[in-house]
Amino acid sequence: MDRCHQARRDLIYSNKYSTREVECRSLDLKSLRSVRKFVDDLPKDLKLTAVINTAESVKKTQREETHDGLEKQMGVSHFGHFLLTRLLMDKYKDDGRWRIVSVTYPSSGQSSMNFADINSEVKYDPQAVYKQAKLATLLTTLELGKRFDANPNITANAVYPGLCNTEVFRHVMGNQPFLARLLLQPVLRMMFTSPEKACQSVLFAVLSPKLTNVSGKYINECRIIELPSEASVNAESARKLWDLSEQVVADPTKFVASQTAAAQKLAA
């Protein structure tokens, strides 16, 4: 939380912003209990205008788990965000207009959901799981768009901010030899955009009047386009993932046990 508090101080004392109403609150997307506590602690009279789902777990060569036993990339990037969004929808569904904005990746639609082994108990492929988690964001956006047809006050859209040179690469670079890190750093600076520029598409999704009452779209370089049209991005998969996600966040222990049993049966 130290860096969060420092960012808060920077905002408050910056002459670029007039607001002083900036708070830091703890939220650990690796823990569904933490997500529930976060939402429970929010005041009911909070004027919610936007929710930005942007956290993700860095690809690791070895499978890792959340506090609830979920595979970490899906647990953080999808199930944590899913529960957060659902709880906020329930708590603030009648409180004016607000937007759900979820960050994803353009090639996500080229992957597929492995519903039979969504917790990666049988096989763990970090690249495939990363793409699956991002595809889950597209599918959830698609399903939310349909669910908000009857309530246009709440909208949901996906955003690709571009390749951004943030500190997330410290996890990647840290695994590289010193010489490789030395050579890669200037390359990253040239190829990747700055965080300030990358966030423009996210801000566009949150603030643009062009997106009033608009759901289920994809934002790239501040342009509104349709969600990727690959076969994996379809209504059937979106609904199936939604129903499964409801079961997972309601009882992760039961879900993990069923996945482990299925994996052991295959291995026998």
C-alpha atoms as a PDB file:
ATOM      1  CA  MET A   1       0.000   0.000   0.000  1.00  0.00           C
ATOM      2  CA  ASP A   2       3.003   2.336   0.340  1.00  0.00           C
ATOM      3  CA  ARG A   3       3.125   3.022  -3.394  1.00  0.00           C
ATOM      4  CA  CYS A   4      -0.624   3.582  -3.472  1.00  0.00           C
ATOM      5  CA  HIS A   5      -0.343   6.209  -0.750  1.00  0.00           C
ATOM      6  CA  GLN A   6       2.560   7.836  -2.582  1.00  0.00           C
ATOM      7  CA  ALA A   7       0.502   8.004  -5.789  1.00  0.00           C
ATOM      8  CA  ARG A   8      -2.327   9.555  -3.795  1.00  0.00           C
ATOM      9  CA  ARG A   9      -0.009  12.223  -2.421  1.00  0.00           C
ATOM     10  CA  ASP A  10       1.327  12.935  -5.916  1.00  0.00           C
ATOM     11  CA  LEU A  11      -2.207  13.447  -7.211  1.00  0.00           C
ATOM     12  CA  ILE A  12      -3.314  15.622  -4.335  1.00  0.00           C
ATOM     13  CA  TYR A  13      -0.308  17.936  -4.490  1.00  0.00           C
ATOM     14  CA  SER A  14      -0.118  18.073  -8.288  1.00  0.00           C
ATOM     15  CA  ASN A  15      -1.280  21.336  -9.841  1.00  0.00           C
ATOM     16  CA  LYS A  16      -2.804  19.333 -12.712  1.00  0.00           C
ATOM     17  CA  TYR A  17      -5.756  18.146 -10.637  1.00  0.00           C
ATOM     18  CA  SER A  18      -8.272  20.076  -8.575  1.00  0.00           C
ATOM     19  CA  THR A  19      -9.700  17.096  -6.680  1.00  0.00           C
ATOM     20  CA  ARG A  20      -8.548  16.206  -3.184  1.00  0.00           C
ATOM     21  CA  GLU A  21     -10.924  13.274  -2.767  1.00  0.00           C
ATOM     22  CA  VAL A  22      -8.548  10.389  -3.401  1.00  0.00           C
ATOM     23  CA  GLU A  23      -8.581   7.274  -1.212  1.00  0.00           C
ATOM     24  CA  CYS A  24      -6.401   4.181  -0.980  1.00  0.00           C
ATOM     25  CA  ARG A  25      -8.144   0.910  -0.189  1.00  0.00           C
ATOM     26  CA  SER A  26      -6.683  -2.571  -0.004  1.00  0.00           C
ATOM     27  CA  LEU A  27      -7.906  -5.135  -2.538  1.00  0.00           C
ATOM     28  CA  ASP A  28      -6.182  -8.460  -3.184  1.00  0.00           C
ATOM     29  CA  LEU A  29      -7.614 -10.104  -6.318  1.00  0.00           C
ATOM     30  CA  LYS A  30      -5.816 -13.317  -5.374  1.00  0.00           C
ATOM     31  CA  SER A  31      -8.325 -13.688  -2.535  1.00  0.00           C
ATOM     32  CA  LEU A  32     -12.095 -13.827  -3.103  1.00  0.00           C
ATOM     33  CA  ARG A  33     -12.553 -13.042   0.591  1.00  0.00           C
ATOM     34  CA  SER A  34     -10.566  -9.821   0.094  1.00  0.00           C
ATOM     35  CA  VAL A  35     -12.772  -8.904  -2.868  1.00  0.00           C
ATOM     36  CA  ARG A  36     -15.925  -9.389  -0.810  1.00  0.00           C
ATOM     37  CA  LYS A  37     -14.531  -7.352   2.074  1.00  0.00           C
ATOM     38  CA  PHE A  38     -13.498  -4.557  -0.279  1.00  0.00           C
ATOM     39  CA  VAL A  39     -17.026  -4.198  -1.653  1.00  0.00           C
ATOM     40  CA  ASP A  40     -18.654  -4.635   1.770  1.00  0.00           C
ATOM     41  CA  ASP A  41     -16.559  -1.762   3.135  1.00  0.00           C
ATOM     42  CA  LEU A  42     -17.560   0.660   0.369  1.00  0.00           C
ATOM     43  CA  PRO A  43     -20.221   3.152   1.493  1.00  0.00           C
ATOM     44  CA  LYS A  44     -23.679   2.507   0.075  1.00  0.00           C
ATOM     45  CA  ASP A  45     -24.022   6.168  -0.906  1.00  0.00           C
ATOM     46  CA  LEU A  46     -20.822   6.077  -2.985  1.00  0.00           C
ATOM     47  CA  LYS A  47     -21.354   7.760  -6.347  1.00  0.00           C
ATOM     48  CA  LEU A  48     -19.894   5.109  -8.620  1.00  0.00           C
ATOM     49  CA  THR A  49     -19.021   6.279 -12.132  1.00  0.00           C
ATOM     50  CA  ALA A  50     -16.583   3.646 -13.418  1.00  0.00           C
ATOM     51  CA  VAL A  51     -14.888   0.348 -12.593  1.00  0.00           C
ATOM     52  CA  ILE A  52     -11.616  -0.384 -14.397  1.00  0.00           C
ATOM     53  CA  ASN A  53     -10.570  -4.034 -14.365  1.00  0.00           C
ATOM     54  CA  THR A  54      -6.891  -3.953 -15.267  1.00  0.00           C
ATOM     55  CA  ALA A  55      -4.986  -6.248 -12.907  1.00  0.00           C
ATOM     56  CA  GLU A  56      -3.335  -9.384 -14.227  1.00  0.00           C
ATOM     57  CA  SER A  57      -0.921 -12.048 -13.130  1.00  0.00           C
ATOM     58  CA  VAL A  58       2.384 -12.212 -14.972  1.00  0.00           C
ATOM     59  CA  LYS A  59       3.053 -15.346 -16.999  1.00  0.00           C
ATOM     60  CA  LYS A  60       5.190 -17.754 -15.005  1.00  0.00           C
ATOM     61  CA  THR A  61       6.857 -20.941 -16.179  1.00  0.00           C
ATOM     62  CA  GLN A  62       5.532 -22.761 -13.109  1.00  0.00           C
ATOM     63  CA  ARG A  63       1.857 -22.975 -12.202  1.00  0.00           C
ATOM     64  CA  GLU A  64       0.888 -20.850  -9.196  1.00  0.00           C
ATOM     65  CA  GLU A  65      -2.339 -20.606  -7.218  1.00  0.00           C
ATOM     66  CA  THR A  66      -4.412 -17.928  -5.540  1.00  0.00           C
ATOM     67  CA  HIS A  67      -5.412 -18.120  -1.863  1.00  0.00           C
ATOM     68  CA  ASP A  68      -8.519 -20.036  -2.992  1.00  0.00           C
ATOM     69  CA  GLY A  69      -6.571 -22.670  -4.939  1.00  0.00           C
ATOM     70  CA  LEU A  70      -7.391 -21.220  -8.358  1.00  0.00           C
ATOM     71  CA  GLU A  71      -4.763 -21.101 -11.090  1.00  0.00           C
ATOM     72  CA  LYS A  72      -3.271 -17.653 -10.573  1.00  0.00           C
ATOM     73  CA  GLN A  73      -3.632 -16.091 -14.028  1.00  0.00           C
ATOM     74  CA  MET A  74      -7.313 -17.029 -14.336  1.00  0.00           C
ATOM     75  CA  GLY A  75      -7.840 -16.362 -10.632  1.00  0.00           C
ATOM     76  CA  VAL A  76      -6.572 -12.785 -10.781  1.00  0.00           C
ATOM     77  CA  SER A  77      -7.391 -11.709 -14.338  1.00  0.00           C
ATOM     78  CA  HIS A  78     -10.829 -13.297 -14.518  1.00  0.00           C
ATOM     79  CA  PHE A  79     -12.384 -14.730 -11.352  1.00  0.00           C
ATOM     80  CA  GLY A  80     -11.242 -11.873  -9.081  1.00  0.00           C
ATOM     81  CA  HIS A  81     -12.522  -9.256 -11.515  1.00  0.00           C
ATOM     82  CA  PHE A  82     -15.701 -11.251 -12.138  1.00  0.00           C
ATOM     83  CA  LEU A  83     -16.611 -11.338  -8.440  1.00  0.00           C
ATOM     84  CA  LEU A  84     -15.705  -7.673  -7.984  1.00  0.00           C
ATOM     85  CA  THR A  85     -17.914  -6.663 -10.907  1.00  0.00           C
ATOM     86  CA  ARG A  86     -20.838  -8.849  -9.803  1.00  0.00           C
ATOM     87  CA  LEU A  87     -20.787  -7.509  -6.241  1.00  0.00           C
ATOM     88  CA  LEU A  88     -20.601  -3.905  -7.435  1.00  0.00           C
ATOM     89  CA  MET A  89     -23.463  -4.540  -9.849  1.00  0.00           C
ATOM     90  CA  ASP A  90     -25.611  -5.833  -6.996  1.00  0.00           C
ATOM     91  CA  LYS A  91     -24.699  -3.006  -4.639  1.00  0.00           C
ATOM     92  CA  TYR A  92     -24.911  -0.057  -7.032  1.00  0.00           C
ATOM     93  CA  LYS A  93     -27.205  -1.242  -9.823  1.00  0.00           C
ATOM     94  CA  ASP A  94     -29.764   1.506  -9.145  1.00  0.00           C
ATOM     95  CA  ASP A  95     -27.293   4.346  -8.515  1.00  0.00           C
ATOM     96  CA  GLY A  96     -27.162   6.341 -11.733  1.00  0.00           C
ATOM     97  CA  ARG A  97     -24.899   5.728 -14.701  1.00  0.00           C
ATOM     98  CA  TRP A  98     -21.573   3.922 -14.474  1.00  0.00           C
ATOM     99  CA  ARG A  99     -19.236   2.028 -16.739  1.00  0.00           C
ATOM    100  CA  ILE A 100     -17.299  -1.225 -16.517  1.00  0.00           C
ATOM    101  CA  VAL A 101     -14.033  -1.111 -18.463  1.00  0.00           C
ATOM    102  CA  SER A 102     -11.862  -4.229 -18.744  1.00  0.00           C
ATOM    103  CA  VAL A 103      -8.362  -4.321 -20.196  1.00  0.00           C
ATOM    104  CA  THR A 104      -7.600  -7.179 -22.574  1.00  0.00           C
ATOM    105  CA  TYR A 105      -5.287  -8.177 -25.429  1.00  0.00           C
ATOM    106  CA  PRO A 106      -6.049  -8.178 -29.193  1.00  0.00           C
ATOM    107  CA  SER A 107      -5.079 -11.789 -29.903  1.00  0.00           C
ATOM    108  CA  SER A 108      -7.266 -13.148 -27.104  1.00  0.00           C
ATOM    109  CA  GLY A 109      -9.958 -14.245 -29.529  1.00  0.00           C
ATOM    110  CA  GLN A 110      -7.460 -16.541 -31.252  1.00  0.00           C
ATOM    111  CA  SER A 111      -7.295 -18.742 -28.160  1.00  0.00           C
ATOM    112  CA  SER A 112     -10.003 -20.952 -26.679  1.00  0.00           C
ATOM    113  CA  MET A 113     -11.528 -21.712 -23.303  1.00  0.00           C
ATOM    114  CA  ASN A 114     -10.466 -25.068 -21.898  1.00  0.00           C
ATOM    115  CA  PHE A 115     -13.590 -25.622 -19.836  1.00  0.00           C
ATOM    116  CA  ALA A 116     -12.608 -29.219 -19.059  1.00  0.00           C
ATOM    117  CA  ASP A 117      -9.386 -28.090 -17.357  1.00  0.00           C
ATOM    118  CA  ILE A 118      -9.953 -24.394 -16.710  1.00  0.00           C
ATOM    119  CA  ASN A 119      -7.906 -24.589 -13.500  1.00  0.00           C
ATOM    120  CA  SER A 120      -4.936 -26.069 -15.430  1.00  0.00           C
ATOM    121  CA  GLU A 121      -4.667 -29.092 -13.147  1.00  0.00           C
ATOM    122  CA  VAL A 122      -4.013 -31.528 -16.006  1.00  0.00           C
ATOM    123  CA  LYS A 123      -1.685 -29.376 -18.094  1.00  0.00           C
ATOM    124  CA  TYR A 124      -0.194 -25.932 -17.515  1.00  0.00           C
ATOM    125  CA  ASP A 125       0.918 -23.902 -20.530  1.00  0.00           C
ATOM    126  CA  PRO A 126       1.652 -20.307 -19.402  1.00  0.00           C
ATOM    127  CA  GLN A 127       1.097 -18.777 -22.840  1.00  0.00           C
ATOM    128  CA  ALA A 128      -2.180 -20.638 -23.413  1.00  0.00           C
ATOM    129  CA  VAL A 129      -3.443 -19.825 -19.920  1.00  0.00           C
ATOM    130  CA  TYR A 130      -2.539 -16.142 -20.332  1.00  0.00           C
ATOM    131  CA  LYS A 131      -4.523 -15.956 -23.588  1.00  0.00           C
ATOM    132  CA  GLN A 132      -7.376 -17.884 -22.005  1.00  0.00           C
ATOM    133  CA  ALA A 133      -7.572 -15.343 -19.183  1.00  0.00           C
ATOM    134  CA  LYS A 134      -7.700 -12.496 -21.697  1.00  0.00           C
ATOM    135  CA  LEU A 135     -10.318 -14.329 -23.761  1.00  0.00           C
ATOM    136  CA  ALA A 136     -12.363 -14.649 -20.573  1.00  0.00           C
ATOM    137  CA  THR A 137     -12.358 -10.834 -20.391  1.00  0.00           C
ATOM    138  CA  LEU A 138     -13.793 -10.594 -23.923  1.00  0.00           C
ATOM    139  CA  LEU A 139     -16.435 -13.231 -23.199  1.00  0.00           C
ATOM    140  CA  THR A 140     -17.467 -11.546 -19.948  1.00  0.00           C
ATOM    141  CA  THR A 141     -17.754  -8.203 -21.756  1.00  0.00           C
ATOM    142  CA  LEU A 142     -19.942  -9.860 -24.383  1.00  0.00           C
ATOM    143  CA  GLU A 143     -22.204 -11.391 -21.752  1.00  0.00           C
ATOM    144  CA  LEU A 144     -22.394  -8.171 -19.725  1.00  0.00           C
ATOM    145  CA  GLY A 145     -23.417  -6.289 -22.861  1.00  0.00           C
ATOM    146  CA  LYS A 146     -26.400  -8.596 -23.273  1.00  0.00           C
ATOM    147  CA  ARG A 147     -27.348  -8.430 -19.614  1.00  0.00           C
ATOM    148  CA  PHE A 148     -27.332  -4.636 -19.694  1.00  0.00           C
ATOM    149  CA  ASP A 149     -29.741  -4.416 -22.644  1.00  0.00           C
ATOM    150  CA  ALA A 150     -32.534  -3.799 -20.152  1.00  0.00           C
ATOM    151  CA  ASN A 151     -30.424  -1.418 -18.039  1.00  0.00           C
ATOM    152  CA  PRO A 152     -28.450   0.969 -20.269  1.00  0.00           C
ATOM    153  CA  ASN A 153     -27.365   2.961 -17.211  1.00  0.00           C
ATOM    154  CA  ILE A 154     -24.593   0.388 -16.735  1.00  0.00           C
ATOM    155  CA  THR A 155     -22.321  -0.377 -19.675  1.00  0.00           C
ATOM    156  CA  ALA A 156     -19.393  -2.763 -20.190  1.00  0.00           C
ATOM    157  CA  ASN A 157     -16.644  -2.558 -22.791  1.00  0.00           C
ATOM    158  CA  ALA A 158     -13.170  -4.039 -23.339  1.00  0.00           C
ATOM    159  CA  VAL A 159     -10.043  -1.952 -23.991  1.00  0.00           C
ATOM    160  CA  TYR A 160      -6.651  -2.672 -25.484  1.00  0.00           C
ATOM    161  CA  PRO A 161      -4.275   0.123 -24.326  1.00  0.00           C
ATOM    162  CA  GLY A 162      -1.374  -1.031 -26.491  1.00  0.00           C
ATOM    163  CA  LEU A 163       1.997  -2.465 -25.527  1.00  0.00           C
ATOM    164  CA  CYS A 164       2.963  -0.429 -22.512  1.00  0.00           C
ATOM    165  CA  ASN A 165       6.350  -0.174 -20.834  1.00  0.00           C
ATOM    166  CA  THR A 166       5.237  -0.446 -17.221  1.00  0.00           C
ATOM    167  CA  GLU A 167       6.972  -1.941 -14.206  1.00  0.00           C
ATOM    168  CA  VAL A 168       5.198  -5.234 -14.819  1.00  0.00           C
ATOM    169  CA  PHE A 169       8.250  -6.113 -16.918  1.00  0.00           C
ATOM    170  CA  ARG A 170      10.404  -6.227 -13.813  1.00  0.00           C
ATOM    171  CA  HIS A 171       8.960  -9.731 -13.337  1.00  0.00           C
ATOM    172  CA  VAL A 172       9.953 -10.706 -16.872  1.00  0.00           C
ATOM    173  CA  MET A 173      13.308  -8.943 -16.971  1.00  0.00           C
ATOM    174  CA  GLY A 174      14.270 -10.311 -13.580  1.00  0.00           C
ATOM    175  CA  ASN A 175      14.446 -13.804 -15.064  1.00  0.00           C
ATOM    176  CA  GLN A 176      16.868 -12.739 -17.805  1.00  0.00           C
ATOM    177  CA  PRO A 177      20.680 -12.674 -17.655  1.00  0.00           C
ATOM    178  CA  PHE A 178      22.236  -9.277 -16.929  1.00  0.00           C
ATOM    179  CA  LEU A 179      23.432  -8.743 -20.516  1.00  0.00           C
ATOM    180  CA  ALA A 180      19.978  -9.591 -21.898  1.00  0.00           C
ATOM    181  CA  ARG A 181      18.363  -7.104 -19.523  1.00  0.00           C
ATOM    182  CA  LEU A 182      20.862  -4.452 -20.574  1.00  0.00           C
ATOM    183  CA  LEU A 183      20.086  -4.981 -24.263  1.00  0.00           C
ATOM    184  CA  LEU A 184      16.321  -5.339 -23.879  1.00  0.00           C
ATOM    185  CA  GLN A 185      15.691  -2.172 -21.889  1.00  0.00           C
ATOM    186  CA  PRO A 186      16.273   0.328 -24.753  1.00  0.00           C
ATOM    187  CA  VAL A 187      14.353  -1.955 -27.139  1.00  0.00           C
ATOM    188  CA  LEU A 188      11.344  -1.944 -24.818  1.00  0.00           C
ATOM    189  CA  ARG A 189      11.474   1.832 -24.567  1.00  0.00           C
ATOM    190  CA  MET A 190      11.399   2.142 -28.371  1.00  0.00           C
ATOM    191  CA  MET A 191       8.745  -0.496 -29.059  1.00  0.00           C
ATOM    192  CA  PHE A 192       6.377   0.114 -26.177  1.00  0.00           C
ATOM    193  CA  THR A 193       4.294   3.176 -25.475  1.00  0.00           C
ATOM    194  CA  SER A 194       4.430   5.166 -22.235  1.00  0.00           C
ATOM    195  CA  PRO A 195       1.886   4.519 -19.455  1.00  0.00           C
ATOM    196  CA  GLU A 196       0.547   8.072 -19.938  1.00  0.00           C
ATOM    197  CA  LYS A 197      -0.185   7.436 -23.615  1.00  0.00           C
ATOM    198  CA  ALA A 198      -1.469   3.903 -23.072  1.00  0.00           C
ATOM    199  CA  CYS A 199      -4.077   5.035 -20.557  1.00  0.00           C
ATOM    200  CA  GLN A 200      -5.738   7.343 -23.102  1.00  0.00           C
ATOM    201  CA  SER A 201      -7.879   4.516 -24.530  1.00  0.00           C
ATOM    202  CA  VAL A 202      -8.894   3.515 -21.009  1.00  0.00           C
ATOM    203  CA  LEU A 203      -9.875   7.104 -20.198  1.00  0.00           C
ATOM    204  CA  PHE A 204     -11.757   7.301 -23.490  1.00  0.00           C
ATOM    205  CA  ALA A 205     -13.773   4.222 -22.497  1.00  0.00           C
ATOM    206  CA  VAL A 206     -14.534   5.746 -19.093  1.00  0.00           C
ATOM    207  CA  LEU A 207     -15.304   9.326 -20.131  1.00  0.00           C
ATOM    208  CA  SER A 208     -16.291   9.591 -23.798  1.00  0.00           C
ATOM    209  CA  PRO A 209     -19.900  10.645 -24.542  1.00  0.00           C
ATOM    210  CA  LYS A 210     -19.644   8.422 -27.622  1.00  0.00           C
ATOM    211  CA  LEU A 211     -19.958   5.411 -25.340  1.00  0.00           C
ATOM    212  CA  THR A 212     -23.114   6.529 -23.543  1.00  0.00           C
ATOM    213  CA  ASN A 213     -25.488   3.535 -23.468  1.00  0.00           C
ATOM    214  CA  VAL A 214     -22.965   1.497 -25.509  1.00  0.00           C
ATOM    215  CA  SER A 215     -21.979  -2.003 -24.325  1.00  0.00           C
ATOM    216  CA  GLY A 216     -20.145  -5.026 -25.633  1.00  0.00           C
ATOM    217  CA  LYS A 217     -17.621  -3.086 -27.712  1.00  0.00           C
ATOM    218  CA  TYR A 218     -13.837  -3.092 -28.049  1.00  0.00           C
ATOM    219  CA  ILE A 219     -11.767   0.087 -27.715  1.00  0.00           C
ATOM    220  CA  ASN A 220      -8.404   0.380 -29.454  1.00  0.00           C
ATOM    221  CA  GLU A 221      -6.494   3.660 -29.925  1.00  0.00           C
ATOM    222  CA  CYS A 222      -9.606   5.553 -28.793  1.00  0.00           C
ATOM    223  CA  ARG A 223     -11.663   3.955 -31.565  1.00  0.00           C
ATOM    224  CA  ILE A 224     -14.878   1.998 -30.984  1.00  0.00           C
ATOM    225  CA  ILE A 225     -14.894  -1.307 -32.852  1.00  0.00           C
ATOM    226  CA  GLU A 226     -16.694  -4.619 -32.557  1.00  0.00           C
ATOM    227  CA  LEU A 227     -15.372  -7.373 -30.324  1.00  0.00           C
ATOM    228  CA  PRO A 228     -13.008  -9.776 -32.143  1.00  0.00           C
ATOM    229  CA  SER A 229     -15.012 -12.012 -34.482  1.00  0.00           C
ATOM    230  CA  GLU A 230     -13.002 -15.211 -34.004  1.00  0.00           C
ATOM    231  CA  ALA A 231     -15.041 -18.362 -33.441  1.00  0.00           C
ATOM    232  CA  SER A 232     -14.028 -18.481 -29.770  1.00  0.00           C
ATOM    233  CA  VAL A 233     -15.814 -15.173 -29.033  1.00  0.00           C
ATOM    234  CA  ASN A 234     -19.423 -16.304 -29.158  1.00  0.00           C
ATOM    235  CA  ALA A 235     -22.577 -16.069 -27.091  1.00  0.00           C
ATOM    236  CA  GLU A 236     -22.601 -19.748 -26.112  1.00  0.00           C
ATOM    237  CA  SER A 237     -19.081 -19.655 -24.660  1.00  0.00           C
ATOM    238  CA  ALA A 238     -19.822 -16.312 -22.960  1.00  0.00           C
ATOM    239  CA  ARG A 239     -22.879 -17.714 -21.200  1.00  0.00           C
ATOM    240  CA  LYS A 240     -21.090 -20.952 -20.285  1.00  0.00           C
ATOM    241  CA  LEU A 241     -18.175 -19.036 -18.774  1.00  0.00           C
ATOM    242  CA  TRP A 242     -20.563 -16.763 -16.852  1.00  0.00           C
ATOM    243  CA  ASP A 243     -22.428 -19.711 -15.321  1.00  0.00           C
ATOM    244  CA  LEU A 244     -19.161 -21.458 -14.436  1.00  0.00           C
ATOM    245  CA  SER A 245     -17.739 -18.279 -12.901  1.00  0.00           C
ATOM    246  CA  GLU A 246     -20.827 -17.912 -10.711  1.00  0.00           C
ATOM    247  CA  GLN A 247     -20.207 -21.421  -9.375  1.00  0.00           C
ATOM    248  CA  VAL A 248     -16.492 -20.811  -8.817  1.00  0.00           C
ATOM    249  CA  VAL A 249     -16.836 -17.577  -6.824  1.00  0.00           C
ATOM    250  CA  ALA A 250     -19.736 -19.010  -4.805  1.00  0.00           C
ATOM    251  CA  ASP A 251     -17.738 -22.040  -3.650  1.00  0.00           C
ATOM    252  CA  PRO A 252     -14.118 -22.123  -4.859  1.00  0.00           C
ATOM    253  CA  THR A 253     -13.247 -25.023  -2.555  1.00  0.00           C
ATOM    254  CA  LYS A 254     -15.860 -27.257  -4.174  1.00  0.00           C
ATOM    255  CA  PHE A 255     -14.745 -26.193  -7.652  1.00  0.00           C
ATOM    256  CA  VAL A 256     -11.054 -26.849  -6.983  1.00  0.00           C
ATOM    257  CA  ALA A 257     -11.870 -30.252  -5.482  1.00  0.00           C
ATOM    258  CA  SER A 258     -13.828 -31.234  -8.598  1.00  0.00           C
ATOM    259  CA  GLN A 259     -11.004 -30.097 -10.885  1.00  0.00           C
ATOM    260  CA  THR A 260      -8.412 -31.997  -8.834  1.00  0.00           C
ATOM    261  CA  ALA A 261     -10.537 -35.164  -8.850  1.00  0.00           C
ATOM    262  CA  ALA A 262     -10.964 -34.943 -12.615  1.00  0.00           C
ATOM    263  CA  ALA A 263      -7.219 -34.456 -13.113  1.00  0.00           C
ATOM    264  CA  GLN A 264      -6.405 -37.444 -10.868  1.00  0.00           C
ATOM    265  CA  LYS A 265      -8.868 -39.592 -12.776  1.00  0.00           C
ATOM    266  CA  LEU A 266      -7.177 -38.738 -16.058  1.00  0.00           C
ATOM    267  CA  ALA A 267      -3.753 -39.442 -14.608  1.00  0.00           C
ATOM    268  CA  ALA A 268      -4.767 -42.846 -13.222  1.00  0.00           C
END
